[in-house]
Amino acid sequence: MTGLAEVFRKEWSGVLASLVGFLGDFHLAEEVTQDAFAAAAERWPASGTPANPRAWLVTTARHRAIDRIRRERVLATKIHLLLPDATTHGPGSGSEADGCDRSVIKDERLELIFTCCHPALPLEGQVALTLRALGGLDTADIAHAFLVSEQTMKRRLTRSKAKIKRTGVPFAVPGPHLLRDRLDAVLAVVYLIYNEGCRGRVDLGDEALRLGRLLVAQMPHEPETHGLLALMTLHHARRNARFAGADMVLLDDQDPALWDQDQLASGRTRLERALELGGRGPYVVQAAIAALHTRRPVDWPQIAVLYRWLAGLTGSPVVELNRAVAIAQAGDPTTALRIIDRLDLDGYLYLHSTRGELLRRLGRADEARTAYGRALRLARTTPERRFLTRRLDNL
């Protein structure tokens, strides 16, 4: 079953994207994709994994979909005989006025992202549904990304799917003139995939970078696509310095010799292009902050100014937390602690770990232990737990 799990991780989104395009119905596509993987779990242990697993899964899912549609049409025909004046429509007959030739976007996974990010859904619903469809993140991962409980995220996903079914939201690849309307959600999806990669799923980090490059090629005049790719590239350049074995390494303690200088140069070039295009959006600002992080010495006052600007653009409490960190690094932990203590982020690990660090710097060791202990209870990865345990031991 380990082999099937690997196939699921690699192929789920591609199979689902193919079925969404074939059927124009997200709910049915998801169901028959699940059926195909269930069939694989039943048959492959005995028959062996096919040479082309995706082709097998797509073919199986299509057959399941066709069988289901035929059964529904037979039933509809029988009802039609009972009700001669009734008009029936088979699955997939709804209008797809905002659709276009699938050749507009050349990558299946990017197609699926743009398809799921339908503006008829609320932005958070678009992002959550797309992350679920991509298969790389389960509901718990998505809930963690949104800083909500798993049950809350399940309800959001259920509401989004119910609205799709109720209102007949067409699942088709949008035309070129509609891509811009979906860009904010698409950028959010790609960045959340990258963030999950930073937590240890290296394959997700690489996939997010690949999608970022495709986005730039698809929409080369949008500064935020360049900003997102710059941001991810600059972060990715430091990946080898972020961990020492199973231990996290903070920015101040990282060895710059371990940074990928080619990727840093690429990220800065991409940021310059975003600024040339007039970029002042949240991803461009975050990329500028990431670029400043790679300069020595780090200009923490300037980073704090940029975080204040970013907070105005996003209204995000996480951005305010990062601004507080920059203020503390610039030499004012008291002001930083005041900012943190008014943030509503009790379920966020990094609020408590940052609060513990500030309390430690201010000589309030008992309160620091409490904050670090709360952070440790929220930790989800081994490097996080090891880091926080060391902090507690040092106190």
Protein backbone atom coordinates (compact mmCIF):
# COMPACT_ATOMS: atom_id res chain seq x y z
CA MET A 1 0.00 0.00 0.00
CA THR A 2 3.00 2.28 0.35
CA GLY A 3 3.32 2.31 -3.44
CA LEU A 4 -0.33 3.24 -3.83
CA ALA A 5 0.06 6.06 -1.29
CA GLU A 6 2.93 7.44 -3.38
CA VAL A 7 0.82 7.20 -6.54
CA PHE A 8 -2.03 8.98 -4.74
CA ARG A 9 0.29 11.81 -3.67
CA LYS A 10 1.70 12.25 -7.16
CA GLU A 11 -1.33 11.56 -9.35
CA TRP A 12 -4.50 12.58 -7.49
CA SER A 13 -4.62 16.15 -8.79
CA GLY A 14 -3.74 15.16 -12.35
CA VAL A 15 -6.43 12.48 -12.46
CA LEU A 16 -8.99 14.83 -10.91
CA ALA A 17 -8.05 17.64 -13.31
CA SER A 18 -8.56 15.31 -16.26
CA LEU A 19 -11.97 14.23 -14.95
CA VAL A 20 -13.10 17.78 -14.18
CA GLY A 21 -12.27 18.77 -17.74
CA PHE A 22 -13.99 15.66 -19.13
CA LEU A 23 -17.17 16.00 -17.06
CA GLY A 24 -17.45 19.71 -16.24
CA ASP A 25 -18.73 18.57 -12.82
CA PHE A 26 -16.42 18.83 -9.81
CA HIS A 27 -18.50 16.72 -7.44
CA LEU A 28 -18.90 13.83 -9.88
CA ALA A 29 -15.22 14.07 -10.88
CA GLU A 30 -14.14 13.83 -7.24
CA GLU A 31 -16.40 10.84 -6.61
CA VAL A 32 -15.24 8.80 -9.61
CA THR A 33 -11.60 9.67 -8.89
CA GLN A 34 -12.07 8.27 -5.40
CA ASP A 35 -13.71 5.19 -6.96
CA ALA A 36 -10.71 4.70 -9.25
CA PHE A 37 -8.24 4.83 -6.36
CA ALA A 38 -10.43 2.43 -4.38
CA ALA A 39 -10.38 0.05 -7.36
CA ALA A 40 -6.59 0.37 -7.51
CA ALA A 41 -6.29 -0.49 -3.81
CA GLU A 42 -8.34 -3.61 -4.47
CA ARG A 43 -6.68 -4.79 -7.69
CA TRP A 44 -3.06 -3.64 -7.72
CA PRO A 45 -1.82 -5.74 -4.77
CA ALA A 46 -2.71 -8.86 -6.81
CA SER A 47 -2.07 -7.68 -10.37
CA GLY A 48 0.80 -5.27 -9.74
CA THR A 49 1.04 -1.52 -10.36
CA PRO A 50 0.42 -0.65 -14.04
CA ALA A 51 3.27 0.78 -16.11
CA ASN A 52 1.27 4.02 -16.42
CA PRO A 53 -0.71 4.43 -13.17
CA ARG A 54 -2.27 7.75 -14.14
CA ALA A 55 -3.61 6.42 -17.44
CA TRP A 56 -5.11 3.41 -15.63
CA LEU A 57 -6.73 5.64 -13.01
CA VAL A 58 -8.10 8.14 -15.55
CA THR A 59 -9.52 5.36 -17.72
CA THR A 60 -11.11 3.62 -14.73
CA ALA A 61 -12.58 6.87 -13.42
CA ARG A 62 -13.97 7.78 -16.86
CA HIS A 63 -15.64 4.36 -17.16
CA ARG A 64 -17.19 4.82 -13.71
CA ALA A 65 -18.43 8.28 -14.69
CA ILE A 66 -19.88 7.07 -18.00
CA ASP A 67 -21.65 4.17 -16.27
CA ARG A 68 -23.14 6.54 -13.72
CA ILE A 69 -24.28 9.03 -16.37
CA ARG A 70 -25.85 6.23 -18.42
CA ARG A 71 -27.79 4.97 -15.40
CA GLU A 72 -29.05 8.48 -14.72
CA ARG A 73 -30.08 8.94 -18.33
CA VAL A 74 -31.93 5.61 -18.37
CA LEU A 75 -33.78 6.70 -15.26
CA ALA A 76 -34.48 10.11 -16.79
CA THR A 77 -35.86 8.43 -19.94
CA LYS A 78 -38.20 6.28 -17.89
CA ILE A 79 -39.41 9.34 -15.99
CA HIS A 80 -39.85 11.12 -19.32
CA LEU A 81 -42.17 8.31 -20.48
CA LEU A 82 -44.27 8.85 -17.39
CA LEU A 83 -44.22 12.64 -17.80
CA PRO A 84 -44.25 13.32 -21.55
CA ASP A 85 -44.13 17.11 -21.14
CA ALA A 86 -41.09 17.06 -18.88
CA THR A 87 -37.71 18.23 -20.17
CA THR A 88 -34.66 16.47 -18.80
CA HIS A 89 -31.02 17.24 -19.11
CA GLY A 90 -28.19 14.78 -18.57
CA PRO A 91 -25.12 15.52 -16.53
CA GLY A 92 -22.75 17.96 -18.13
CA SER A 93 -25.47 19.67 -20.18
CA GLY A 94 -25.34 22.91 -18.20
CA SER A 95 -23.97 26.13 -19.66
CA GLU A 96 -20.25 26.78 -19.39
CA ALA A 97 -20.29 30.31 -20.71
CA ASP A 98 -17.08 31.23 -18.95
CA GLY A 99 -15.22 28.20 -20.29
CA CYS A 100 -12.76 28.05 -23.12
CA ASP A 101 -10.51 25.74 -25.05
CA ARG A 102 -8.38 23.77 -22.54
CA SER A 103 -5.28 24.80 -24.46
CA VAL A 104 -5.33 28.25 -22.79
CA ILE A 105 -3.42 26.82 -19.80
CA LYS A 106 -0.79 24.25 -20.63
CA ASP A 107 -0.50 22.48 -17.27
CA GLU A 108 -3.10 20.16 -15.72
CA ARG A 109 -2.52 21.18 -12.13
CA LEU A 110 -2.59 24.89 -12.94
CA GLU A 111 -5.77 24.30 -14.94
CA LEU A 112 -7.32 22.61 -11.92
CA ILE A 113 -6.38 25.53 -9.66
CA PHE A 114 -7.91 28.12 -11.98
CA THR A 115 -10.97 25.92 -12.48
CA CYS A 116 -11.62 25.50 -8.75
CA CYS A 117 -11.00 29.18 -7.94
CA HIS A 118 -14.44 30.22 -9.18
CA PRO A 119 -15.41 33.79 -8.19
CA ALA A 120 -18.95 32.66 -7.34
CA LEU A 121 -17.45 31.15 -4.17
CA PRO A 122 -16.00 33.22 -1.29
CA LEU A 123 -12.22 33.58 -1.51
CA GLU A 124 -11.55 31.31 1.47
CA GLY A 125 -13.90 28.71 -0.03
CA GLN A 126 -12.06 28.86 -3.36
CA VAL A 127 -8.67 28.36 -1.71
CA ALA A 128 -9.83 25.58 0.62
CA LEU A 129 -11.63 23.68 -2.14
CA THR A 130 -8.63 23.93 -4.45
CA LEU A 131 -6.19 22.72 -1.81
CA ARG A 132 -8.50 19.78 -1.14
CA ALA A 133 -8.77 19.00 -4.85
CA LEU A 134 -5.00 19.06 -5.35
CA GLY A 135 -4.68 16.15 -2.92
CA GLY A 136 -1.39 17.27 -1.39
CA LEU A 137 -3.07 18.63 1.74
CA ASP A 138 -5.74 16.96 3.82
CA THR A 139 -8.46 18.83 5.73
CA ALA A 140 -6.32 19.12 8.88
CA ASP A 141 -3.44 20.67 6.89
CA ILE A 142 -5.81 23.15 5.23
CA ALA A 143 -7.37 24.07 8.58
CA HIS A 144 -3.91 24.70 10.01
CA ALA A 145 -3.05 26.94 7.07
CA PHE A 146 -6.18 29.03 7.74
CA LEU A 147 -5.69 29.01 11.55
CA VAL A 148 -9.10 27.42 12.13
CA SER A 149 -10.24 24.10 13.58
CA GLU A 150 -10.58 21.01 11.40
CA GLN A 151 -14.35 20.99 11.99
CA THR A 152 -14.62 24.63 10.86
CA MET A 153 -12.72 23.79 7.67
CA LYS A 154 -14.93 20.76 7.02
CA ARG A 155 -17.98 23.01 7.24
CA ARG A 156 -16.44 25.52 4.81
CA LEU A 157 -15.67 22.78 2.30
CA THR A 158 -19.18 21.36 2.67
CA ARG A 159 -20.74 24.80 2.14
CA SER A 160 -18.61 25.40 -0.97
CA LYS A 161 -19.57 22.06 -2.48
CA ALA A 162 -23.24 22.64 -1.61
CA LYS A 163 -23.18 26.03 -3.33
CA ILE A 164 -21.58 24.49 -6.41
CA LYS A 165 -24.34 21.90 -6.58
CA ARG A 166 -27.15 24.34 -5.74
CA THR A 167 -26.20 27.13 -8.11
CA GLY A 168 -24.70 25.06 -10.91
CA VAL A 169 -21.28 26.72 -10.78
CA PRO A 170 -19.68 25.58 -14.06
CA PHE A 171 -16.37 23.79 -13.65
CA ALA A 172 -14.49 24.68 -16.79
CA VAL A 173 -11.14 26.26 -17.51
CA PRO A 174 -11.71 30.04 -17.64
CA GLY A 175 -10.98 32.01 -20.78
CA PRO A 176 -7.98 34.35 -20.92
CA HIS A 177 -10.14 37.38 -20.15
CA LEU A 178 -11.31 35.75 -16.88
CA LEU A 179 -7.96 34.62 -15.48
CA ARG A 180 -7.32 37.94 -13.71
CA ASP A 181 -10.57 37.59 -11.72
CA ARG A 182 -9.26 34.37 -10.22
CA LEU A 183 -5.65 35.38 -9.69
CA ASP A 184 -5.85 36.34 -5.99
CA ALA A 185 -7.17 32.91 -5.03
CA VAL A 186 -4.70 31.11 -7.32
CA LEU A 187 -1.75 32.98 -5.78
CA ALA A 188 -3.00 32.14 -2.29
CA VAL A 189 -3.26 28.45 -3.19
CA VAL A 190 0.26 28.29 -4.61
CA TYR A 191 1.74 30.12 -1.61
CA LEU A 192 -0.04 27.85 0.88
CA ILE A 193 1.33 24.83 -0.98
CA TYR A 194 4.81 26.36 -0.70
CA ASN A 195 4.37 27.05 3.02
CA GLU A 196 3.43 23.43 3.60
CA GLY A 197 6.59 22.48 1.72
CA CYS A 198 8.61 24.62 4.15
CA ARG A 199 7.26 22.46 6.97
CA GLY A 200 9.06 19.44 5.55
CA ARG A 201 7.19 18.38 2.41
CA VAL A 202 10.03 19.19 -0.01
CA ASP A 203 8.01 17.89 -2.95
CA LEU A 204 5.31 20.47 -2.25
CA GLY A 205 7.87 23.28 -2.15
CA ASP A 206 9.28 22.25 -5.51
CA GLU A 207 5.78 21.89 -6.95
CA ALA A 208 4.82 25.39 -5.76
CA LEU A 209 7.90 26.85 -7.45
CA ARG A 210 7.02 25.02 -10.66
CA LEU A 211 3.48 26.40 -10.52
CA GLY A 212 4.86 29.87 -9.79
CA ARG A 213 7.02 29.75 -12.92
CA LEU A 214 4.03 28.60 -14.97
CA LEU A 215 1.95 31.48 -13.57
CA VAL A 216 4.61 34.00 -14.61
CA ALA A 217 4.71 32.50 -18.11
CA GLN A 218 0.89 32.52 -18.28
CA MET A 219 0.47 36.08 -16.95
CA PRO A 220 3.82 37.84 -17.52
CA HIS A 221 2.45 41.37 -17.05
CA GLU A 222 0.94 40.76 -13.60
CA PRO A 223 3.38 42.05 -10.96
CA GLU A 224 1.97 39.83 -8.23
CA THR A 225 2.85 36.65 -10.16
CA HIS A 226 6.45 37.87 -10.29
CA GLY A 227 6.22 38.90 -6.63
CA LEU A 228 5.05 35.47 -5.52
CA LEU A 229 7.74 33.67 -7.52
CA ALA A 230 10.38 36.05 -6.13
CA LEU A 231 9.15 35.43 -2.58
CA MET A 232 9.22 31.64 -2.93
CA THR A 233 12.59 31.65 -4.69
CA LEU A 234 14.22 33.83 -2.03
CA HIS A 235 12.87 31.58 0.73
CA HIS A 236 13.89 28.44 -1.14
CA ALA A 237 17.44 29.74 -1.52
CA ARG A 238 17.85 29.47 2.27
CA ARG A 239 16.33 26.01 2.70
CA ASN A 240 19.66 24.21 3.31
CA ALA A 241 20.50 26.59 6.16
CA ARG A 242 17.13 26.36 7.92
CA PHE A 243 17.73 22.97 9.45
CA ALA A 244 20.74 21.28 11.04
CA GLY A 245 19.71 17.64 11.02
CA ALA A 246 16.38 17.59 12.84
CA ASP A 247 16.93 21.02 14.40
CA MET A 248 15.51 24.36 13.26
CA VAL A 249 18.01 27.19 12.76
CA LEU A 250 16.80 30.76 13.21
CA LEU A 251 17.68 33.41 10.61
CA ASP A 252 20.33 35.09 12.79
CA ASP A 253 22.07 31.75 13.31
CA GLN A 254 21.99 30.56 9.69
CA ASP A 255 25.24 30.17 7.78
CA PRO A 256 24.99 32.34 4.62
CA ALA A 257 27.50 30.03 2.95
CA LEU A 258 24.71 27.47 2.81
CA TRP A 259 22.39 29.80 0.90
CA ASP A 260 21.95 29.16 -2.82
CA GLN A 261 23.42 32.30 -4.36
CA ASP A 262 22.04 31.59 -7.84
CA GLN A 263 18.52 31.32 -6.44
CA LEU A 264 19.01 34.50 -4.41
CA ALA A 265 20.05 36.33 -7.58
CA SER A 266 17.08 34.87 -9.46
CA GLY A 267 14.68 35.95 -6.70
CA ARG A 268 16.06 39.49 -6.62
CA THR A 269 15.82 39.75 -10.41
CA ARG A 270 12.22 38.58 -10.26
CA LEU A 271 11.48 41.16 -7.55
CA GLU A 272 13.00 43.92 -9.69
CA ARG A 273 10.71 42.90 -12.56
CA ALA A 274 7.68 43.04 -10.27
CA LEU A 275 8.65 46.55 -9.18
CA GLU A 276 9.19 47.61 -12.80
CA LEU A 277 5.61 46.52 -13.50
CA GLY A 278 4.40 48.82 -10.72
CA GLY A 279 3.91 46.05 -8.17
CA ARG A 280 2.89 47.25 -4.70
CA GLY A 281 0.72 44.29 -3.72
CA PRO A 282 1.16 41.90 -0.79
CA TYR A 283 3.38 39.34 -2.56
CA VAL A 284 5.70 42.03 -3.91
CA VAL A 285 6.00 43.55 -0.42
CA GLN A 286 6.69 40.13 1.12
CA ALA A 287 9.33 39.48 -1.53
CA ALA A 288 10.99 42.79 -0.64
CA ILE A 289 11.03 41.72 3.02
CA ALA A 290 12.51 38.34 2.06
CA ALA A 291 15.23 40.11 0.06
CA LEU A 292 16.11 42.29 3.06
CA HIS A 293 16.41 39.15 5.19
CA THR A 294 19.29 38.04 2.98
CA ARG A 295 21.34 41.21 3.47
CA ARG A 296 23.96 41.49 6.20
CA PRO A 297 23.46 43.26 8.49
CA VAL A 298 19.69 42.84 8.37
CA ASP A 299 17.88 46.20 8.24
CA TRP A 300 15.23 45.39 10.85
CA PRO A 301 13.77 48.94 11.08
CA GLN A 302 13.14 48.89 7.31
CA ILE A 303 11.58 45.43 7.58
CA ALA A 304 9.29 46.69 10.35
CA VAL A 305 8.17 49.56 8.07
CA LEU A 306 7.40 47.12 5.25
CA TYR A 307 5.45 44.86 7.61
CA ARG A 308 3.39 47.86 8.69
CA TRP A 309 2.59 48.52 5.03
CA LEU A 310 1.79 44.84 4.49
CA ALA A 311 -0.52 44.82 7.52
CA GLY A 312 -2.44 47.69 5.96
CA LEU A 313 -2.82 45.71 2.72
CA THR A 314 -3.89 42.43 4.32
CA GLY A 315 -5.34 43.16 7.77
CA SER A 316 -3.64 39.92 8.84
CA PRO A 317 -2.81 39.33 12.52
CA VAL A 318 0.04 37.05 11.41
CA VAL A 319 1.58 40.02 9.57
CA GLU A 320 1.23 42.07 12.76
CA LEU A 321 3.04 39.29 14.62
CA ASN A 322 5.88 39.45 12.10
CA ARG A 323 5.99 43.23 12.47
CA ALA A 324 6.36 42.76 16.21
CA VAL A 325 9.29 40.39 15.63
CA ALA A 326 10.99 42.99 13.41
CA ILE A 327 10.46 45.68 16.07
CA ALA A 328 11.97 43.41 18.71
CA GLN A 329 14.93 42.63 16.47
CA ALA A 330 15.39 46.36 15.96
CA GLY A 331 15.85 46.67 19.74
CA ASP A 332 12.40 47.29 21.26
CA PRO A 333 11.02 44.03 22.76
CA THR A 334 8.66 45.93 25.09
CA THR A 335 6.72 47.51 22.21
CA ALA A 336 6.80 44.18 20.37
CA LEU A 337 5.23 42.40 23.36
CA ARG A 338 2.45 44.99 23.58
CA ILE A 339 1.60 44.37 19.91
CA ILE A 340 1.58 40.59 20.38
CA ASP A 341 -0.58 40.69 23.49
CA ARG A 342 -3.46 42.27 21.58
CA LEU A 343 -3.47 39.72 18.76
CA ASP A 344 -6.20 37.07 18.56
CA LEU A 345 -3.98 34.13 17.61
CA ASP A 346 -4.22 31.82 20.60
CA GLY A 347 -4.10 28.68 18.43
CA TYR A 348 -1.02 29.80 16.51
CA LEU A 349 2.25 28.21 17.59
CA TYR A 350 4.45 31.12 16.52
CA LEU A 351 2.56 33.68 18.59
CA HIS A 352 3.40 31.74 21.75
CA SER A 353 6.99 30.93 20.79
CA THR A 354 7.62 34.59 19.90
CA ARG A 355 5.97 35.73 23.12
CA GLY A 356 8.19 33.30 25.04
CA GLU A 357 11.30 34.74 23.40
CA LEU A 358 10.30 38.33 24.16
CA LEU A 359 9.50 37.48 27.79
CA ARG A 360 12.89 35.76 28.05
CA ARG A 361 14.64 38.86 26.75
CA LEU A 362 12.75 40.96 29.28
CA GLY A 363 13.86 38.72 32.16
CA ARG A 364 10.38 37.28 32.85
CA ALA A 365 11.46 33.63 32.89
CA ASP A 366 8.36 32.07 34.51
CA GLU A 367 6.03 33.69 31.97
CA ALA A 368 8.41 32.70 29.19
CA ARG A 369 8.20 29.04 30.30
CA THR A 370 4.41 29.18 30.17
CA ALA A 371 4.46 30.67 26.66
CA TYR A 372 6.99 28.16 25.36
CA GLY A 373 5.00 25.32 26.94
CA ARG A 374 1.86 26.46 25.12
CA ALA A 375 3.80 26.63 21.86
CA LEU A 376 5.18 23.13 22.42
CA ARG A 377 1.66 21.74 22.81
CA LEU A 378 0.75 23.28 19.44
CA ALA A 379 3.88 22.02 17.62
CA ARG A 380 3.19 19.63 14.73
CA THR A 381 6.68 18.68 13.51
CA THR A 382 9.78 17.17 15.11
CA PRO A 383 12.03 20.21 14.38
CA GLU A 384 9.47 22.51 16.02
CA ARG A 385 9.27 20.31 19.11
CA ARG A 386 13.04 19.99 19.40
CA PHE A 387 13.53 23.75 19.06
CA LEU A 388 10.93 24.59 21.69
CA THR A 389 12.21 21.90 24.07
CA ARG A 390 15.70 23.41 23.83
CA ARG A 391 14.28 26.85 24.59
CA LEU A 392 12.57 25.49 27.70
CA ASP A 393 15.72 23.66 28.78
CA ASN A 394 17.75 26.86 28.41
CA LEU A 395 15.36 28.70 30.70
